[in-house]
Amino acid sequence: MKAAVWTATDEVAVAEVAMPHVPEGWALVRVAYNGICGTDLSILHGKHPRAQAPLVMGHELSGWVERAGATGPAEGALVIAEPLISCGECKACRDGHAHVCRRLGLYGIDTAGGMAQYVALPPEVLHEVPAGVDPRTAALAEPLAVAVHAVALSGMEQGDTVAVYGAGPIGILTALVARHEGAGHVVITEPSPWRREVAEGMGFTVVPEGSTMAEALAPLTDGEGADTTFDSAAHPSVAAELTAVTRVLGRIVVVGVYKQPTPVDLRDICFKEQSVVGVRVYTSADVTRAIELIASGALGLDGFPTKAFALEDVTAAFDAATSGQDCLKVLLTPLDGAADA
């Protein structure tokens, strides 16, 4: 089969590789689409601490069951993968929180993933997608599950004024879920002019160039600050102002993953009695909820800007994902005729 293989720092190319070995009881999935995320970019640049070359990357995948496993979706079913690999033995796993396993791994990072024509997966990580859902939209389920998890952990209440830092894929998806769950106002700040336009087009309040989140929130909150603040940017400049833009007894949710320890105003957290919660991936229930939201059309994801590249054009796809200038999510597809012209 054909697969995009990361072979060394900044080197990825399509190659002919052996069909994946399918362990007893596992399923074989024919891949439809696979999204490229920031983690894949880190792997490409040799900066991921666990990924080892050669590797077939990709953990945001949709596809059809080519060969059914001992359990799970039947042959022919459209599925998405919940790509987490947990040990089942640590305290988090024993307590039912496998998504924060002490030794958590992912398909596409710690073992072969979805940037290929086929991938072998255990049936328990496959979620069937309702008939009629576009496989291209279904590929958004994994990042959408992150947003679902973030909003669920936030304790956001109906009518809240919500601040979102970053209008990348996770930021926009978090904003969409927050609005769907009843946020009164959602304010987004983003340095990219194109991404600001996307957020405005989706009906969100966007901090204008030259202004600040605090200035945008002031008239909406009588100067109190956001009830709930989501940091999907994971930039030190954002961390420095999270507590200042969040109200007394407000909630700060760190969705983006910081690459290094970053200063936060802990005195402000004390004086304002703010709550801070971290987000790591999602639970199975979050994935199920993400699929429900996609199938219902409640979030309007048909307007979410994506661009599909043929598997053979993997280098161009990674270049597009790096620039992030004309789409929020870059997809790779091994399907004939499915790439954008």
Protein backbone atom coordinates (compact mmCIF):
# COMPACT_ATOMS: atom_id res chain seq x y z
CA MET A 1 0.00 0.00 0.00
CA LYS A 2 0.98 3.67 -0.17
CA ALA A 3 1.82 5.56 3.00
CA ALA A 4 3.36 8.89 3.95
CA VAL A 5 6.43 7.97 5.96
CA TRP A 6 8.40 10.32 8.20
CA THR A 7 12.00 9.16 7.84
CA ALA A 8 14.08 11.94 9.45
CA THR A 9 13.86 15.53 10.63
CA ASP A 10 11.96 17.53 7.98
CA GLU A 11 11.75 14.52 5.67
CA VAL A 12 8.43 12.89 4.80
CA ALA A 13 7.52 11.20 1.54
CA VAL A 14 5.09 8.70 0.08
CA ALA A 15 6.43 5.17 -0.19
CA GLU A 16 5.21 1.69 -0.98
CA VAL A 17 5.06 -0.22 2.29
CA ALA A 18 3.69 -3.56 3.41
CA MET A 19 0.02 -3.79 4.33
CA PRO A 20 -0.36 -3.45 8.10
CA HIS A 21 -0.30 -6.58 10.19
CA VAL A 22 -3.76 -7.07 11.68
CA PRO A 23 -3.54 -8.77 15.09
CA GLU A 24 -6.21 -11.28 15.97
CA GLY A 25 -9.45 -9.52 16.84
CA TRP A 26 -8.39 -6.17 15.37
CA ALA A 27 -9.97 -4.34 12.45
CA LEU A 28 -8.50 -3.15 9.18
CA VAL A 29 -9.65 0.34 8.19
CA ARG A 30 -9.49 1.84 4.69
CA VAL A 31 -8.58 5.47 5.28
CA ALA A 32 -10.70 8.24 3.80
CA TYR A 33 -9.15 11.38 5.30
CA ASN A 34 -6.49 12.16 7.87
CA GLY A 35 -6.01 15.62 9.37
CA ILE A 36 -2.63 17.20 10.02
CA CYS A 37 -2.27 18.83 13.44
CA GLY A 38 0.40 20.67 15.39
CA THR A 39 1.67 17.42 16.86
CA ASP A 40 2.38 16.11 13.35
CA LEU A 41 4.35 19.27 12.62
CA SER A 42 6.40 18.71 15.78
CA ILE A 43 7.13 15.16 14.66
CA LEU A 44 8.14 16.34 11.19
CA HIS A 45 10.61 18.80 12.68
CA GLY A 46 12.08 16.17 15.01
CA LYS A 47 10.78 17.89 18.15
CA HIS A 48 8.38 15.28 19.50
CA PRO A 49 9.90 13.43 22.47
CA ARG A 50 8.36 10.03 21.71
CA ALA A 51 8.06 9.71 17.93
CA GLN A 52 10.68 7.53 16.31
CA ALA A 53 11.42 7.37 12.57
CA PRO A 54 10.43 5.69 10.35
CA LEU A 55 6.80 6.42 11.21
CA VAL A 56 3.45 6.64 9.47
CA MET A 57 1.96 9.66 11.24
CA GLY A 58 -1.70 10.61 11.59
CA HIS A 59 -4.27 10.32 14.36
CA GLU A 60 -7.21 12.41 13.06
CA LEU A 61 -8.67 9.86 10.69
CA SER A 62 -11.91 8.73 9.13
CA GLY A 63 -12.43 5.68 6.99
CA TRP A 64 -14.38 2.50 6.36
CA VAL A 65 -14.01 -0.87 8.05
CA GLU A 66 -12.38 -3.09 5.44
CA ARG A 67 -12.19 -6.10 7.72
CA ALA A 68 -14.20 -6.12 10.94
CA GLY A 69 -12.64 -6.90 14.28
CA ALA A 70 -13.90 -9.44 16.79
CA THR A 71 -16.18 -6.72 18.16
CA GLY A 72 -17.05 -3.20 17.14
CA PRO A 73 -18.30 -1.73 13.85
CA ALA A 74 -19.21 -4.04 11.00
CA GLU A 75 -17.49 -4.28 7.65
CA GLY A 76 -18.30 -1.26 5.49
CA ALA A 77 -19.14 1.06 8.38
CA LEU A 78 -17.81 4.61 8.31
CA VAL A 79 -15.72 5.12 11.43
CA ILE A 80 -13.39 7.56 13.13
CA ALA A 81 -10.62 6.55 15.48
CA GLU A 82 -10.19 7.44 19.12
CA PRO A 83 -6.41 7.06 18.80
CA LEU A 84 -5.39 6.77 22.44
CA ILE A 85 -3.20 3.96 23.75
CA SER A 86 -3.40 3.56 27.52
CA CYS A 87 -1.67 1.05 29.78
CA GLY A 88 -4.72 -0.09 31.75
CA GLU A 89 -2.61 -0.46 34.89
CA CYS A 90 -1.81 2.99 36.33
CA LYS A 91 -4.09 4.70 38.84
CA ALA A 92 -5.69 6.92 36.20
CA CYS A 93 -6.58 3.89 34.08
CA ARG A 94 -7.83 1.91 37.08
CA ASP A 95 -10.01 4.83 38.11
CA GLY A 96 -11.61 5.13 34.68
CA HIS A 97 -9.54 8.04 33.39
CA ALA A 98 -7.51 6.28 30.70
CA HIS A 99 -7.19 9.49 28.68
CA VAL A 100 -4.69 10.78 31.27
CA CYS A 101 -2.82 7.48 31.55
CA ARG A 102 0.68 7.92 32.99
CA ARG A 103 2.06 6.21 29.90
CA LEU A 104 -0.43 7.54 27.35
CA GLY A 105 0.44 6.97 23.71
CA LEU A 106 -1.31 7.61 20.40
CA TYR A 107 -1.62 5.85 17.08
CA GLY A 108 0.29 7.96 14.58
CA ILE A 109 2.84 8.97 17.22
CA ASP A 110 3.90 5.88 19.12
CA THR A 111 2.95 3.44 16.36
CA ALA A 112 1.60 3.58 12.82
CA GLY A 113 -1.28 5.94 12.12
CA GLY A 114 -3.61 7.07 9.37
CA MET A 115 -1.47 8.77 6.70
CA ALA A 116 -1.80 5.67 4.55
CA GLN A 117 -4.30 3.72 2.53
CA TYR A 118 -4.97 1.33 5.40
CA VAL A 119 -4.42 1.17 9.15
CA ALA A 120 -4.93 -1.66 11.64
CA LEU A 121 -6.68 -0.69 14.86
CA PRO A 122 -8.25 -2.44 17.83
CA PRO A 123 -12.05 -2.34 17.53
CA GLU A 124 -12.50 -0.58 20.86
CA VAL A 125 -10.98 2.63 19.48
CA LEU A 126 -13.37 2.76 16.51
CA HIS A 127 -16.52 4.87 16.68
CA GLU A 128 -19.16 4.32 14.02
CA VAL A 129 -20.36 7.46 12.26
CA PRO A 130 -24.04 7.74 11.26
CA ALA A 131 -24.98 7.21 7.64
CA GLY A 132 -25.02 10.36 5.57
CA VAL A 133 -22.08 12.07 7.28
CA ASP A 134 -19.38 13.22 4.87
CA PRO A 135 -16.14 11.31 5.65
CA ARG A 136 -14.29 14.60 5.17
CA THR A 137 -16.28 16.27 7.94
CA ALA A 138 -16.04 13.12 10.06
CA ALA A 139 -12.26 13.57 10.13
CA LEU A 140 -12.83 16.62 12.34
CA ALA A 141 -14.23 14.43 15.14
CA GLU A 142 -10.91 13.96 16.93
CA PRO A 143 -10.01 17.67 17.29
CA LEU A 144 -13.68 18.44 17.98
CA ALA A 145 -13.54 15.97 20.87
CA VAL A 146 -10.75 18.10 22.39
CA ALA A 147 -13.07 21.11 22.26
CA VAL A 148 -15.98 19.15 23.72
CA HIS A 149 -13.74 17.99 26.57
CA ALA A 150 -12.45 21.52 27.20
CA VAL A 151 -15.94 23.02 27.46
CA ALA A 152 -17.15 20.15 29.64
CA LEU A 153 -14.24 20.62 32.06
CA SER A 154 -14.66 24.39 32.16
CA GLY A 155 -17.87 24.47 34.16
CA MET A 156 -19.13 27.11 31.74
CA GLU A 157 -22.66 28.24 32.50
CA GLN A 158 -25.53 29.47 30.33
CA GLY A 159 -25.04 33.11 29.37
CA ASP A 160 -21.33 33.21 30.21
CA THR A 161 -19.04 35.66 28.50
CA VAL A 162 -16.28 33.48 27.08
CA ALA A 163 -12.80 34.53 25.96
CA VAL A 164 -10.91 32.33 23.50
CA TYR A 165 -7.23 32.85 22.71
CA GLY A 166 -6.32 31.54 19.28
CA ALA A 167 -8.47 31.03 16.18
CA GLY A 168 -6.73 27.92 14.94
CA PRO A 169 -8.67 24.66 14.57
CA ILE A 170 -8.96 23.96 18.30
CA GLY A 171 -9.75 27.56 19.18
CA ILE A 172 -12.54 27.85 16.61
CA LEU A 173 -13.97 24.44 17.53
CA THR A 174 -13.91 25.37 21.22
CA ALA A 175 -15.69 28.62 20.44
CA LEU A 176 -18.32 26.76 18.40
CA VAL A 177 -18.96 24.24 21.18
CA ALA A 178 -19.09 26.97 23.84
CA ARG A 179 -21.67 28.90 21.83
CA HIS A 180 -23.70 25.76 21.22
CA GLU A 181 -23.64 25.01 24.96
CA GLY A 182 -25.10 28.42 25.77
CA ALA A 183 -22.34 31.01 26.01
CA GLY A 184 -23.82 34.50 25.83
CA HIS A 185 -20.82 36.12 24.15
CA VAL A 186 -17.72 34.52 22.67
CA VAL A 187 -14.75 36.84 22.11
CA ILE A 188 -11.75 35.59 20.13
CA THR A 189 -8.30 37.08 19.81
CA GLU A 190 -5.95 35.94 17.04
CA PRO A 191 -2.87 37.53 15.38
CA SER A 192 -3.57 36.16 11.88
CA PRO A 193 -5.77 38.52 9.80
CA TRP A 194 -7.13 35.60 7.75
CA ARG A 195 -8.11 33.62 10.84
CA ARG A 196 -9.73 36.71 12.32
CA GLU A 197 -11.84 36.94 9.18
CA VAL A 198 -12.84 33.28 9.54
CA ALA A 199 -13.89 33.82 13.15
CA GLU A 200 -15.88 36.94 12.22
CA GLY A 201 -17.56 35.02 9.41
CA MET A 202 -18.72 32.45 11.94
CA GLY A 203 -20.38 35.17 13.97
CA PHE A 204 -17.91 35.58 16.81
CA THR A 205 -16.76 38.86 18.34
CA VAL A 206 -13.12 39.28 17.29
CA VAL A 207 -10.57 41.52 18.97
CA PRO A 208 -9.52 44.09 16.33
CA GLU A 209 -5.90 44.52 15.34
CA GLY A 210 -4.20 46.92 17.73
CA SER A 211 -6.66 46.21 20.54
CA THR A 212 -6.55 43.75 23.45
CA MET A 213 -8.77 41.05 24.88
CA ALA A 214 -9.26 43.15 28.03
CA GLU A 215 -10.45 46.11 25.98
CA ALA A 216 -12.88 43.95 23.99
CA LEU A 217 -14.31 42.35 27.14
CA ALA A 218 -14.72 45.55 29.14
CA PRO A 219 -18.01 46.79 27.62
CA LEU A 220 -19.49 43.29 27.66
CA THR A 221 -18.70 42.62 31.32
CA ASP A 222 -18.77 46.05 32.96
CA GLY A 223 -15.01 45.69 33.30
CA GLU A 224 -15.23 42.45 35.30
CA GLY A 225 -13.62 40.17 32.69
CA ALA A 226 -14.60 36.88 31.12
CA ASP A 227 -16.49 34.25 33.09
CA THR A 228 -14.57 31.51 31.30
CA THR A 229 -11.30 31.88 29.40
CA PHE A 230 -9.94 29.23 27.02
CA ASP A 231 -6.25 29.31 26.07
CA SER A 232 -5.85 27.41 22.82
CA ALA A 233 -2.83 29.46 21.76
CA ALA A 234 -0.31 28.13 24.31
CA HIS A 235 1.96 31.14 23.92
CA PRO A 236 3.83 32.76 26.84
CA SER A 237 2.36 36.16 25.95
CA VAL A 238 -1.11 34.68 26.42
CA ALA A 239 -0.28 32.99 29.72
CA ALA A 240 0.86 36.36 31.04
CA GLU A 241 -2.61 37.88 30.70
CA LEU A 242 -4.99 34.99 31.37
CA THR A 243 -5.69 35.94 34.97
CA ALA A 244 -6.10 39.65 34.18
CA VAL A 245 -8.85 39.12 31.58
CA THR A 246 -10.78 36.62 33.74
CA ARG A 247 -13.18 37.81 36.42
CA VAL A 248 -13.15 37.16 40.14
CA LEU A 249 -14.15 33.50 40.69
CA GLY A 250 -13.77 32.95 36.96
CA ARG A 251 -12.41 29.87 35.22
CA ILE A 252 -9.27 29.51 33.08
CA VAL A 253 -8.99 26.47 30.82
CA VAL A 254 -5.59 25.64 29.31
CA VAL A 255 -6.40 23.79 26.09
CA GLY A 256 -3.20 24.31 24.10
CA VAL A 257 -0.08 22.42 25.14
CA TYR A 258 2.82 24.65 26.19
CA LYS A 259 6.24 23.52 25.00
CA GLN A 260 7.99 24.66 28.19
CA PRO A 261 7.17 25.93 31.70
CA THR A 262 5.59 29.38 31.43
CA PRO A 263 5.01 32.12 34.06
CA VAL A 264 1.43 32.63 35.26
CA ASP A 265 0.28 35.24 37.80
CA LEU A 266 -0.46 32.97 40.75
CA ARG A 267 -1.05 35.94 43.04
CA ASP A 268 -3.91 37.03 40.80
CA ILE A 269 -5.34 33.51 40.97
CA CYS A 270 -5.27 33.71 44.76
CA PHE A 271 -6.72 37.21 45.06
CA LYS A 272 -9.48 36.48 42.53
CA GLU A 273 -10.01 32.86 43.68
CA GLN A 274 -9.90 31.76 40.06
CA SER A 275 -9.97 28.13 38.97
CA VAL A 276 -7.45 26.81 36.47
CA VAL A 277 -7.93 23.48 34.70
CA GLY A 278 -5.76 21.70 32.18
CA VAL A 279 -7.03 19.73 29.19
CA ARG A 280 -5.45 16.58 27.82
CA VAL A 281 -7.14 15.03 24.79
CA TYR A 282 -10.65 13.66 25.58
CA THR A 283 -12.69 10.77 26.92
CA SER A 284 -14.63 8.23 24.87
CA ALA A 285 -17.80 10.08 25.85
CA ASP A 286 -16.36 13.28 24.38
CA VAL A 287 -15.66 11.50 21.09
CA THR A 288 -19.22 10.18 21.02
CA ARG A 289 -20.53 13.69 21.68
CA ALA A 290 -18.32 15.11 18.91
CA ILE A 291 -19.79 12.63 16.43
CA GLU A 292 -23.31 13.57 17.56
CA LEU A 293 -22.58 17.24 16.96
CA ILE A 294 -21.16 16.52 13.51
CA ALA A 295 -24.09 14.30 12.53
CA SER A 296 -26.67 16.83 13.71
CA GLY A 297 -25.06 19.71 11.83
CA ALA A 298 -25.48 21.82 14.98
CA LEU A 299 -22.09 23.52 14.66
CA GLY A 300 -22.21 24.34 10.97
CA LEU A 301 -18.97 22.50 10.27
CA ASP A 302 -19.71 22.44 6.56
CA GLY A 303 -18.40 26.01 6.69
CA PHE A 304 -15.22 25.03 8.54
CA PRO A 305 -12.37 25.77 6.09
CA THR A 306 -10.51 22.59 5.11
CA LYS A 307 -8.26 21.69 2.22
CA ALA A 308 -7.64 18.13 1.06
CA PHE A 309 -4.37 17.01 -0.51
CA ALA A 310 -3.69 13.71 -2.22
CA LEU A 311 -1.46 11.41 -0.18
CA GLU A 312 1.21 11.78 -2.87
CA ASP A 313 1.27 15.52 -2.18
CA VAL A 314 2.21 15.10 1.47
CA THR A 315 5.03 17.67 1.30
CA ALA A 316 2.69 20.35 -0.05
CA ALA A 317 0.13 19.37 2.58
CA PHE A 318 2.61 19.90 5.41
CA ASP A 319 3.66 23.22 3.88
CA ALA A 320 0.01 24.33 3.85
CA ALA A 321 -0.49 23.19 7.43
CA THR A 322 2.60 25.14 8.47
CA SER A 323 1.46 28.36 6.81
CA GLY A 324 -2.15 28.09 7.98
CA GLN A 325 -3.16 30.91 5.67
CA ASP A 326 -6.06 29.59 3.61
CA CYS A 327 -7.55 26.74 5.63
CA LEU A 328 -8.00 25.78 9.26
CA LYS A 329 -7.47 22.07 8.73
CA VAL A 330 -5.32 20.35 6.12
CA LEU A 331 -6.38 16.83 5.22
CA LEU A 332 -4.55 14.04 3.44
CA THR A 333 -6.56 11.55 1.42
CA PRO A 334 -5.51 8.35 -0.37
CA LEU A 335 -8.83 8.27 -2.25
CA ASP A 336 -8.77 8.88 -5.99
CA GLY A 337 -10.41 12.17 -6.91
CA ALA A 338 -11.03 13.26 -3.32
CA ALA A 339 -8.31 15.93 -3.13
CA ASP A 340 -9.14 19.54 -3.89
CA ALA A 341 -8.18 20.67 -7.37
